[in-house]
Protein backbone atom coordinates (compact mmCIF):
# COMPACT_ATOMS: atom_id res chain seq x y z
CA UNK A 1 96.64 17.61 60.23
CA UNK A 2 97.30 19.52 57.03
CA UNK A 3 94.64 21.15 54.82
CA UNK A 4 94.44 18.17 52.44
CA UNK A 5 93.77 15.80 55.34
CA UNK A 6 91.06 18.11 56.65
CA UNK A 7 89.45 18.39 53.21
CA UNK A 8 89.46 14.61 52.81
CA UNK A 9 87.87 14.18 56.21
CA UNK A 10 85.14 16.65 55.27
CA UNK A 11 84.58 14.88 51.92
CA UNK A 12 84.13 11.56 53.73
CA UNK A 13 81.73 13.20 56.21
CA UNK A 14 79.67 14.68 53.36
CA UNK A 15 79.68 11.46 51.33
CA UNK A 16 78.50 9.38 54.30
CA UNK A 17 75.44 11.65 54.52
CA UNK A 18 74.76 11.89 50.79
CA UNK A 19 75.75 15.56 50.73
CA UNK A 20 78.62 15.18 48.29
CA UNK A 21 76.48 15.74 45.19
CA UNK A 22 74.13 18.28 46.72
CA UNK A 23 75.63 21.69 45.94
CA UNK A 24 75.35 24.41 43.34
CA UNK A 25 77.28 27.54 42.41
CA UNK A 26 74.69 29.94 43.86
CA UNK A 27 74.75 28.31 47.28
CA UNK A 28 78.55 28.12 47.27
CA UNK A 29 78.83 31.84 46.50
CA UNK A 30 76.18 32.72 49.09
CA UNK A 31 78.09 30.77 51.73
CA UNK A 32 81.38 32.47 50.89
CA UNK A 33 79.67 35.88 50.97
CA UNK A 34 78.03 35.10 54.31
CA UNK A 35 81.28 34.03 55.96
CA UNK A 36 83.10 37.07 54.58
CA UNK A 37 80.31 39.31 55.88
CA UNK A 38 80.49 37.78 59.34
CA UNK A 39 84.22 38.44 59.49
CA UNK A 40 83.76 41.94 58.09
CA UNK A 41 81.31 42.66 60.93
CA UNK A 42 84.16 42.16 63.38
CA UNK A 43 86.41 44.80 61.85
CA UNK A 44 84.25 47.26 59.97
CA UNK A 45 84.56 50.97 60.67
CA UNK A 46 87.80 50.68 62.68
CA UNK A 47 91.37 51.58 61.74
CA UNK A 48 94.05 49.04 60.75
CA UNK A 49 95.57 48.75 64.23
CA UNK A 50 92.16 48.17 65.81
CA UNK A 51 91.35 45.56 63.16
CA UNK A 52 94.52 43.63 63.98
CA UNK A 53 93.77 43.82 67.70
CA UNK A 54 90.21 42.57 67.18
CA UNK A 55 91.38 39.67 65.00
CA UNK A 56 93.97 38.68 67.63
CA UNK A 57 91.40 38.88 70.42
CA UNK A 58 88.82 36.85 68.47
CA UNK A 59 91.10 34.27 66.86
CA UNK A 60 88.65 31.44 67.54
CA UNK A 61 85.81 33.26 65.84
CA UNK A 62 88.00 34.33 62.91
CA UNK A 63 89.28 30.76 62.57
CA UNK A 64 85.69 29.53 62.36
CA UNK A 65 84.88 31.96 59.54
CA UNK A 66 87.99 30.99 57.63
CA UNK A 67 87.36 27.30 58.28
CA UNK A 68 83.76 27.58 57.10
CA UNK A 69 84.94 29.29 53.92
CA UNK A 70 87.57 26.60 53.29
CA UNK A 71 84.91 23.96 53.96
CA UNK A 72 83.02 25.38 50.97
CA UNK A 73 85.89 24.42 48.67
CA UNK A 74 86.19 20.76 49.65
């Protein structure tokens, strides 16, 4: 599945629940900030090599943060 397919699937999911019109800029920005903060918590205060190691070890978690952020832009 490519990103466009995933976005369309999410749009259909939202529309079926009446969520497609229920958003605003403030909430979108808060969500993006929250997801970025959660990912930052994984790697803050460590050097570049440690950051890369942490991201590799926690790929599932990192993927969730990235996915949640992309979900915001559907």
